[in-house]
Amino acid sequence: MSLTKSKLDDLRIERPARAQPNARTWIGVAIVAGLVLLVGAAVWWWKRPNAIEVRTVVAREVSGGRADRTVLNASGYVTARREATVSSKVTGKVVEVLIEEGMKVQEGQVLARLDDTNVKAALNLAEAQLASANKGLEEIRVRIKEAEQELHRVADLINHKIATQADFDHAEAAALSLKAKLEQQKAEVTVAERQVASWQQQMDDTIIRAPFSGIVTSKNAQPGEMISPISAGGGFTRTGICTIVDMGSLEIEIDVNESYINRVEAGQPVEATLDAYADWKIPCKVIAIIPTADRQKSTVKVRVGFDKLDPRILPEMSVKVAFREAAVAGAVSSRTIALPKSAVQQQDGRDVVLIVQGGRAERRAVTVSSISAEEVVVSAGVALGERVVADWPKGLAEGMSVREIKQ
């Protein structure tokens, strides 16, 4: 039995004793783990998404507290209330034209002159006749004085019984006749004066003057051409020298469909936009509604006046207008927010903005009530004081990290 046990002991494999970890081993493990963590943090830092710089603005309330809305859109043309094709009062040949297109003229300024040769000759003749009539008047006055002296002498002779009554009557008749002739001569002088005035007027009619101050928009005649206040037939007679427009009388004429004329009233605010300056909003107001309709077009003419004129506004320019409806006085209007035009973008058919919240971009749908040249007025979707991305950088999307550049 003991022999067998000894043989079994000889077959047992001796295993070395397991070494117990000491403090140095634990320190090494900690160092390796720390290095792994540092490397991982460095890789995360290197590969993390960079924050996009954005320029933001604070949403501010629109001043004025009045919310206008457009009730009708229409189109029309700029017209001049005072516009005239200037012509002469008489038919004649143009000898001098003193204006050009674009020239400013004052009321009464000479625009052109017609040939006055014949009129001047007739005026000289009338002046000579007037001078002759005045000389005859002086002669009659001298002869009246002589007749009165003769009448006094005959009266003295009658008192001395030298002259007869017949001599006295003859001298008296001669004096009375000359006095009557004096009155006739005075009338002839008056006729001669009127004749001179008539020819002077015709002389002045050969000078064509500006009826009012304005700007020449067209020049219709040249020296050497015939001009007449009425059409004389054919193509060789002009009816006007030029066309003058009073730029201070510009307004807008609009043909409004009679189905919508109930939306327009006198004094109503209007916002006009010239086709030539699409970003320029011009404040206007309704002057009058012409009280008649055009049966051919089923429209009613509306006159719209500019609140303030500008040299860029020219006659016959095409213009689009928006008739505005002001909020009822005393009504509490909803708060409206003004944002830069670039802050509002179109996505999926909706107006959206990006709000900065917690360092990230948050997309927000908004309701736009009006658009001007530089700003957009928002009535819903943005709260007062929120920071809105003013310019959308390329690649910026909702949820991305952003860094503000405040404005």
Protein backbone atom coordinates (compact mmCIF):
# COMPACT_ATOMS: atom_id res chain seq x y z
CA MET A 1 0.00 0.00 0.00
CA SER A 2 2.77 2.40 0.87
CA LEU A 3 4.67 1.31 -2.22
CA THR A 4 1.76 2.14 -4.35
CA LYS A 5 1.37 5.56 -2.75
CA SER A 6 5.01 6.36 -3.32
CA LYS A 7 4.67 5.48 -7.00
CA LEU A 8 1.68 7.75 -7.31
CA ASP A 9 3.61 10.58 -5.69
CA ASP A 10 6.37 10.08 -8.24
CA LEU A 11 3.90 10.56 -11.09
CA ARG A 12 2.56 14.00 -9.69
CA ILE A 13 3.67 17.11 -11.60
CA GLU A 14 5.02 19.80 -9.44
CA ARG A 15 3.50 23.29 -10.28
CA PRO A 16 5.35 26.46 -9.33
CA ALA A 17 3.64 28.73 -6.84
CA ARG A 18 1.58 31.65 -8.48
CA ALA A 19 3.30 34.96 -7.91
CA GLN A 20 1.09 37.57 -6.20
CA PRO A 21 0.87 40.98 -8.00
CA ASN A 22 2.73 43.70 -6.26
CA ALA A 23 2.15 47.54 -6.17
CA ARG A 24 4.48 48.21 -9.09
CA THR A 25 2.38 46.06 -11.36
CA TRP A 26 -0.80 48.00 -10.52
CA ILE A 27 0.92 51.32 -11.29
CA GLY A 28 1.90 50.11 -14.76
CA VAL A 29 -1.62 49.05 -15.53
CA ALA A 30 -2.94 52.48 -14.52
CA ILE A 31 -0.41 54.25 -16.71
CA VAL A 32 -1.37 52.19 -19.75
CA ALA A 33 -5.07 52.82 -19.18
CA GLY A 34 -4.45 56.56 -18.86
CA LEU A 35 -2.50 56.61 -22.09
CA VAL A 36 -5.34 54.84 -23.88
CA LEU A 37 -7.83 57.38 -22.57
CA LEU A 38 -5.64 60.30 -23.64
CA VAL A 39 -5.21 58.89 -27.12
CA GLY A 40 -8.97 58.36 -27.42
CA ALA A 41 -9.68 61.92 -26.27
CA ALA A 42 -7.14 63.29 -28.74
CA VAL A 43 -8.72 61.33 -31.59
CA TRP A 44 -12.20 62.60 -30.62
CA TRP A 45 -10.95 66.18 -30.40
CA TRP A 46 -9.27 65.92 -33.77
CA LYS A 47 -12.29 64.39 -35.52
CA ARG A 48 -15.02 66.39 -33.76
CA PRO A 49 -17.29 68.61 -36.05
CA ASN A 50 -16.10 72.24 -36.09
CA ALA A 51 -18.61 74.96 -35.08
CA ILE A 52 -19.67 77.16 -38.01
CA GLU A 53 -19.36 80.89 -37.53
CA VAL A 54 -22.66 82.70 -38.14
CA ARG A 55 -23.69 86.35 -37.98
CA THR A 56 -26.77 86.78 -35.82
CA VAL A 57 -29.21 89.58 -35.14
CA VAL A 58 -31.68 90.13 -32.34
CA ALA A 59 -35.32 89.89 -33.38
CA ARG A 60 -36.80 93.35 -32.83
CA GLU A 61 -40.36 94.58 -32.83
CA VAL A 62 -41.56 96.71 -35.72
CA SER A 63 -42.03 100.30 -34.56
CA GLY A 64 -45.27 102.15 -35.15
CA GLY A 65 -47.67 99.48 -33.99
CA ARG A 66 -49.60 99.57 -37.28
CA ALA A 67 -50.12 96.43 -39.28
CA ASP A 68 -51.07 97.18 -42.85
CA ARG A 69 -52.08 94.57 -45.34
CA THR A 70 -52.50 94.64 -49.08
CA VAL A 71 -56.11 94.48 -50.22
CA LEU A 72 -55.60 94.92 -53.96
CA ASN A 73 -52.72 94.78 -56.46
CA ALA A 74 -52.90 96.63 -59.77
CA SER A 75 -50.71 98.21 -62.43
CA GLY A 76 -50.73 101.53 -64.21
CA TYR A 77 -48.59 104.31 -65.64
CA VAL A 78 -47.06 107.54 -64.41
CA THR A 79 -48.81 110.49 -66.03
CA ALA A 80 -48.48 114.27 -65.84
CA ARG A 81 -51.51 116.27 -64.76
CA ARG A 82 -50.10 119.33 -66.56
CA GLU A 83 -48.77 118.49 -70.01
CA ALA A 84 -49.12 120.63 -73.13
CA THR A 85 -48.10 120.59 -76.76
CA VAL A 86 -47.24 124.24 -77.28
CA SER A 87 -48.37 125.77 -80.57
CA SER A 88 -48.75 129.25 -82.02
CA LYS A 89 -51.96 131.29 -82.23
CA VAL A 90 -51.38 132.05 -85.92
CA THR A 91 -50.15 130.19 -88.95
CA GLY A 92 -46.60 131.09 -89.90
CA LYS A 93 -43.11 129.96 -90.80
CA VAL A 94 -40.75 129.05 -87.97
CA VAL A 95 -37.57 131.13 -88.07
CA GLU A 96 -36.03 130.28 -84.68
CA VAL A 97 -36.38 127.44 -82.15
CA LEU A 98 -34.73 128.07 -78.78
CA ILE A 99 -35.37 124.78 -76.94
CA GLU A 100 -34.12 121.18 -76.90
CA GLU A 101 -35.39 117.98 -75.31
CA GLY A 102 -34.70 117.80 -71.58
CA MET A 103 -34.40 121.58 -71.17
CA LYS A 104 -36.05 123.20 -68.16
CA VAL A 105 -38.17 126.22 -69.06
CA GLN A 106 -39.91 128.86 -66.97
CA GLU A 107 -43.38 130.27 -67.46
CA GLY A 108 -43.28 132.98 -70.15
CA GLN A 109 -39.88 131.94 -71.51
CA VAL A 110 -39.50 132.33 -75.30
CA LEU A 111 -39.53 128.93 -77.02
CA ALA A 112 -39.60 129.90 -80.71
CA ARG A 113 -40.26 132.75 -83.13
CA LEU A 114 -42.25 132.90 -86.35
CA ASP A 115 -41.64 135.05 -89.43
CA ASP A 116 -42.99 138.52 -88.57
CA THR A 117 -42.08 140.43 -91.76
CA ASN A 118 -45.64 141.09 -92.95
CA VAL A 119 -46.95 141.78 -89.46
CA LYS A 120 -44.14 144.23 -88.79
CA ALA A 121 -44.92 146.13 -92.01
CA ALA A 122 -48.61 146.36 -91.11
CA LEU A 123 -47.68 147.53 -87.60
CA ASN A 124 -45.47 150.30 -89.03
CA LEU A 125 -48.34 151.44 -91.26
CA ALA A 126 -50.76 151.53 -88.32
CA GLU A 127 -48.30 153.52 -86.24
CA ALA A 128 -47.90 156.03 -89.08
CA GLN A 129 -51.68 156.38 -89.36
CA LEU A 130 -51.87 157.00 -85.62
CA ALA A 131 -49.23 159.71 -85.87
CA SER A 132 -51.15 161.34 -88.75
CA ALA A 133 -54.39 161.28 -86.75
CA ASN A 134 -52.66 162.96 -83.81
CA LYS A 135 -51.31 165.72 -86.11
CA GLY A 136 -54.80 166.32 -87.51
CA LEU A 137 -56.09 166.61 -83.97
CA GLU A 138 -53.61 169.33 -83.17
CA GLU A 139 -54.56 171.21 -86.36
CA ILE A 140 -58.26 171.20 -85.47
CA ARG A 141 -57.53 172.53 -81.99
CA VAL A 142 -55.64 175.46 -83.51
CA ARG A 143 -58.48 176.19 -85.93
CA ILE A 144 -61.02 176.05 -83.08
CA LYS A 145 -59.00 178.66 -81.21
CA GLU A 146 -59.00 180.87 -84.32
CA ALA A 147 -62.77 180.41 -84.80
CA GLU A 148 -63.49 181.40 -81.20
CA GLN A 149 -61.41 184.58 -81.58
CA GLU A 150 -63.29 185.42 -84.76
CA LEU A 151 -66.58 184.87 -82.96
CA HIS A 152 -65.57 187.32 -80.22
CA ARG A 153 -64.61 189.99 -82.77
CA VAL A 154 -67.91 189.64 -84.61
CA ALA A 155 -69.77 189.95 -81.31
CA ASP A 156 -67.93 193.22 -80.54
CA LEU A 157 -68.73 194.53 -84.02
CA ILE A 158 -72.40 193.76 -83.51
CA ASN A 159 -72.35 195.69 -80.25
CA HIS A 160 -70.99 198.69 -82.20
CA LYS A 161 -73.55 198.24 -84.96
CA ILE A 162 -70.84 197.53 -87.52
CA ALA A 163 -71.45 193.77 -88.26
CA THR A 164 -74.74 192.10 -88.98
CA GLN A 165 -76.42 189.21 -87.17
CA ALA A 166 -75.70 187.02 -90.19
CA ASP A 167 -71.96 187.57 -89.72
CA PHE A 168 -72.27 186.51 -86.09
CA ASP A 169 -74.25 183.40 -86.94
CA HIS A 170 -71.70 182.39 -89.56
CA ALA A 171 -68.79 182.80 -87.12
CA GLU A 172 -70.65 180.84 -84.42
CA ALA A 173 -71.45 177.96 -86.81
CA ALA A 174 -67.82 177.78 -87.91
CA ALA A 175 -66.67 177.46 -84.27
CA LEU A 176 -69.25 174.80 -83.47
CA SER A 177 -68.37 172.84 -86.62
CA LEU A 178 -64.71 172.77 -85.70
CA LYS A 179 -65.55 171.53 -82.20
CA ALA A 180 -67.59 168.69 -83.68
CA LYS A 181 -64.74 167.88 -86.03
CA LEU A 182 -62.41 167.80 -83.01
CA GLU A 183 -64.52 165.05 -81.44
CA GLN A 184 -64.53 163.12 -84.69
CA GLN A 185 -60.77 163.42 -84.92
CA LYS A 186 -60.42 162.17 -81.37
CA ALA A 187 -62.45 159.09 -82.34
CA GLU A 188 -60.21 158.55 -85.35
CA VAL A 189 -57.16 158.71 -83.08
CA THR A 190 -58.76 156.10 -80.84
CA VAL A 191 -59.38 153.85 -83.85
CA ALA A 192 -55.76 154.28 -84.95
CA GLU A 193 -54.56 153.40 -81.44
CA ARG A 194 -56.69 150.24 -81.42
CA GLN A 195 -55.33 149.32 -84.83
CA VAL A 196 -51.77 149.69 -83.56
CA ALA A 197 -52.60 147.57 -80.49
CA SER A 198 -54.09 144.90 -82.75
CA TRP A 199 -50.98 144.66 -84.88
CA GLN A 200 -48.79 144.70 -81.79
CA GLN A 201 -50.75 141.71 -80.49
CA GLN A 202 -50.29 139.93 -83.79
CA MET A 203 -46.61 140.79 -83.59
CA ASP A 204 -46.45 139.26 -80.12
CA ASP A 205 -48.29 136.17 -81.41
CA THR A 206 -45.29 135.38 -83.58
CA ILE A 207 -43.33 134.77 -80.36
CA ILE A 208 -44.19 131.42 -78.79
CA ARG A 209 -43.78 131.31 -74.99
CA ALA A 210 -43.98 128.59 -72.34
CA PRO A 211 -47.47 128.46 -70.75
CA PHE A 212 -46.05 127.08 -67.48
CA SER A 213 -42.76 125.96 -65.96
CA GLY A 214 -41.64 122.45 -66.79
CA ILE A 215 -39.35 120.27 -68.86
CA VAL A 216 -39.36 119.90 -72.64
CA THR A 217 -40.00 116.25 -73.47
CA SER A 218 -40.24 116.52 -77.28
CA LYS A 219 -39.23 119.00 -79.97
CA ASN A 220 -41.66 118.89 -82.89
CA ALA A 221 -40.61 121.67 -85.29
CA GLN A 222 -37.48 123.05 -86.92
CA PRO A 223 -36.67 126.45 -88.46
CA GLY A 224 -38.15 126.77 -91.94
CA GLU A 225 -41.21 124.61 -91.28
CA MET A 226 -44.75 125.91 -91.33
CA ILE A 227 -46.74 125.76 -88.10
CA SER A 228 -50.47 126.18 -87.58
CA PRO A 229 -52.76 125.93 -84.54
CA ILE A 230 -55.04 123.69 -86.60
CA SER A 231 -54.19 120.87 -88.96
CA ALA A 232 -53.88 122.26 -92.46
CA GLY A 233 -53.73 118.86 -94.14
CA GLY A 234 -50.75 117.14 -95.64
CA GLY A 235 -47.51 116.36 -93.88
CA PHE A 236 -45.71 119.67 -94.23
CA THR A 237 -47.49 121.74 -91.57
CA ARG A 238 -46.74 121.22 -87.89
CA THR A 239 -49.31 121.79 -85.18
CA GLY A 240 -46.88 122.29 -82.28
CA ILE A 241 -43.39 123.45 -81.44
CA CYS A 242 -42.73 121.20 -78.45
CA THR A 243 -44.30 119.31 -75.55
CA ILE A 244 -43.79 120.57 -72.00
CA VAL A 245 -44.43 118.52 -68.85
CA ASP A 246 -44.81 119.94 -65.36
CA MET A 247 -42.79 117.39 -63.35
CA GLY A 248 -44.45 118.60 -60.18
CA SER A 249 -47.82 117.30 -61.37
CA LEU A 250 -46.83 113.64 -61.82
CA GLU A 251 -49.27 111.03 -60.56
CA ILE A 252 -50.30 107.44 -61.30
CA GLU A 253 -53.31 106.48 -63.36
CA ILE A 254 -54.69 103.00 -62.72
CA ASP A 255 -57.56 101.14 -64.34
CA VAL A 256 -59.12 99.08 -61.54
CA ASN A 257 -61.50 96.29 -62.42
CA GLU A 258 -64.99 97.38 -61.41
CA SER A 259 -65.39 94.13 -59.44
CA TYR A 260 -62.72 95.32 -56.97
CA ILE A 261 -63.38 99.07 -56.90
CA ASN A 262 -65.12 98.64 -53.54
CA ARG A 263 -61.68 97.98 -52.04
CA VAL A 264 -60.44 101.45 -53.02
CA GLU A 265 -61.30 104.77 -51.36
CA ALA A 266 -59.99 108.34 -51.44
CA GLY A 267 -57.02 108.93 -49.13
CA GLN A 268 -56.18 105.22 -48.95
CA PRO A 269 -52.45 104.47 -48.52
CA VAL A 270 -50.77 102.93 -51.55
CA GLU A 271 -47.32 101.43 -52.07
CA ALA A 272 -45.99 101.89 -55.61
CA THR A 273 -43.11 100.09 -57.30
CA LEU A 274 -41.64 101.28 -60.59
CA ASP A 275 -40.65 98.52 -63.00
CA ALA A 276 -37.36 100.39 -63.49
CA TYR A 277 -36.59 100.30 -59.72
CA ALA A 278 -38.06 97.04 -58.44
CA ASP A 279 -36.59 97.37 -54.92
CA TRP A 280 -37.79 100.96 -54.37
CA LYS A 281 -41.08 101.17 -52.50
CA ILE A 282 -42.74 104.58 -53.00
CA PRO A 283 -45.39 105.73 -50.50
CA CYS A 284 -48.49 107.16 -52.18
CA LYS A 285 -52.18 107.75 -51.53
CA VAL A 286 -55.38 107.70 -53.54
CA ILE A 287 -56.28 111.18 -54.83
CA ALA A 288 -59.61 110.42 -56.42
CA ILE A 289 -61.77 107.76 -58.02
CA ILE A 290 -63.14 108.98 -61.35
CA PRO A 291 -66.94 108.55 -61.05
CA THR A 292 -67.47 106.72 -64.32
CA ALA A 293 -66.66 103.30 -65.72
CA ASP A 294 -65.29 102.18 -69.07
CA ARG A 295 -67.89 99.82 -70.51
CA GLN A 296 -65.40 98.37 -72.98
CA LYS A 297 -62.86 97.33 -70.35
CA SER A 298 -65.14 97.16 -67.27
CA THR A 299 -62.70 99.31 -65.33
CA VAL A 300 -62.78 102.48 -63.24
CA LYS A 301 -59.94 104.99 -63.39
CA VAL A 302 -58.18 105.77 -60.10
CA ARG A 303 -55.73 108.64 -59.57
CA VAL A 304 -52.89 108.01 -57.13
CA GLY A 305 -50.55 110.78 -55.94
CA PHE A 306 -46.98 110.51 -54.70
CA ASP A 307 -46.29 111.55 -51.10
CA LYS A 308 -42.94 112.93 -52.27
CA LEU A 309 -41.70 113.32 -55.83
CA ASP A 310 -38.27 112.12 -56.94
CA PRO A 311 -36.23 112.92 -60.10
CA ARG A 312 -36.19 109.20 -60.92
CA ILE A 313 -39.95 109.23 -61.49
CA LEU A 314 -40.61 109.98 -65.16
CA PRO A 315 -43.81 110.30 -67.23
CA GLU A 316 -45.18 107.16 -68.90
CA MET A 317 -43.20 104.81 -66.62
CA SER A 318 -44.88 101.49 -65.87
CA VAL A 319 -45.70 101.03 -62.19
CA LYS A 320 -47.23 98.37 -59.97
CA VAL A 321 -49.25 99.46 -56.94
CA ALA A 322 -50.48 97.76 -53.79
CA PHE A 323 -53.53 99.29 -52.15
CA ARG A 324 -53.04 98.99 -48.40
CA GLU A 325 -55.59 98.68 -45.63
CA ALA A 326 -54.56 100.34 -42.38
CA ALA A 327 -55.43 98.71 -39.06
CA VAL A 328 -58.56 100.05 -37.38
CA ALA A 329 -57.78 102.89 -35.00
CA GLY A 330 -57.59 101.68 -31.41
CA ALA A 331 -57.40 98.00 -32.35
CA VAL A 332 -54.69 95.95 -30.68
CA SER A 333 -52.39 94.65 -33.36
CA SER A 334 -50.32 91.50 -33.08
CA ARG A 335 -46.63 91.91 -32.41
CA THR A 336 -44.58 91.87 -35.57
CA ILE A 337 -40.85 91.21 -35.79
CA ALA A 338 -38.43 92.80 -38.25
CA LEU A 339 -35.58 90.66 -39.64
CA PRO A 340 -33.02 91.15 -42.39
CA LYS A 341 -34.23 89.94 -45.76
CA SER A 342 -31.33 87.45 -45.97
CA ALA A 343 -32.40 85.77 -42.70
CA VAL A 344 -35.56 84.26 -44.25
CA GLN A 345 -35.09 81.37 -46.68
CA GLN A 346 -37.49 79.19 -48.65
CA GLN A 347 -37.44 75.46 -47.83
CA ASP A 348 -40.08 72.99 -48.97
CA GLY A 349 -42.34 75.87 -49.99
CA ARG A 350 -42.24 77.49 -46.53
CA ASP A 351 -40.47 80.53 -45.11
CA VAL A 352 -37.96 79.45 -42.45
CA VAL A 353 -35.28 81.00 -40.26
CA LEU A 354 -32.49 79.56 -38.10
CA ILE A 355 -32.55 80.39 -34.39
CA VAL A 356 -29.39 79.97 -32.30
CA GLN A 357 -30.23 77.91 -29.17
CA GLY A 358 -27.53 76.44 -26.93
CA GLY A 359 -24.82 76.83 -29.53
CA ARG A 360 -26.78 74.96 -32.20
CA ALA A 361 -28.94 76.03 -35.14
CA GLU A 362 -32.68 75.39 -34.79
CA ARG A 363 -34.92 75.70 -37.83
CA ARG A 364 -38.17 77.62 -37.32
CA ALA A 365 -41.06 78.17 -39.75
CA VAL A 366 -42.29 81.78 -39.85
CA THR A 367 -45.21 83.77 -41.27
CA VAL A 368 -44.12 86.72 -43.42
CA SER A 369 -46.55 89.65 -43.45
CA SER A 370 -44.61 92.10 -45.63
CA ILE A 371 -41.32 92.48 -47.47
CA SER A 372 -39.41 95.70 -48.10
CA ALA A 373 -36.14 96.42 -49.86
CA GLU A 374 -33.98 95.35 -46.88
CA GLU A 375 -36.25 93.86 -44.22
CA VAL A 376 -38.88 91.20 -43.76
CA VAL A 377 -41.72 91.68 -41.26
CA VAL A 378 -42.65 88.41 -39.52
CA SER A 379 -45.92 88.05 -37.66
CA ALA A 380 -45.40 84.52 -36.26
CA GLY A 381 -42.61 82.02 -35.63
CA VAL A 382 -40.00 84.22 -33.92
CA ALA A 383 -40.14 85.69 -30.43
CA LEU A 384 -38.90 89.12 -29.50
CA GLY A 385 -35.24 89.01 -28.43
CA GLU A 386 -34.33 85.68 -30.03
CA ARG A 387 -31.08 85.53 -31.95
CA VAL A 388 -31.59 84.77 -35.64
CA VAL A 389 -28.95 83.80 -38.20
CA ALA A 390 -28.72 86.81 -40.51
CA ASP A 391 -26.80 85.18 -43.37
CA TRP A 392 -27.00 81.43 -43.94
CA PRO A 393 -23.46 80.04 -44.50
CA LYS A 394 -23.11 77.35 -47.10
CA GLY A 395 -23.74 73.91 -45.67
CA LEU A 396 -25.44 75.10 -42.48
CA ALA A 397 -28.32 72.86 -41.44
CA GLU A 398 -30.53 72.37 -38.43
CA GLY A 399 -28.81 70.92 -35.37
CA MET A 400 -25.28 71.86 -36.44
CA SER A 401 -22.96 73.53 -33.94
CA VAL A 402 -22.54 77.26 -34.52
CA ARG A 403 -20.49 80.08 -33.06
CA GLU A 404 -22.14 83.53 -33.04
CA ILE A 405 -20.69 86.69 -34.47
CA LYS A 406 -23.07 89.15 -32.92
CA GLN A 407 -24.21 92.20 -34.81
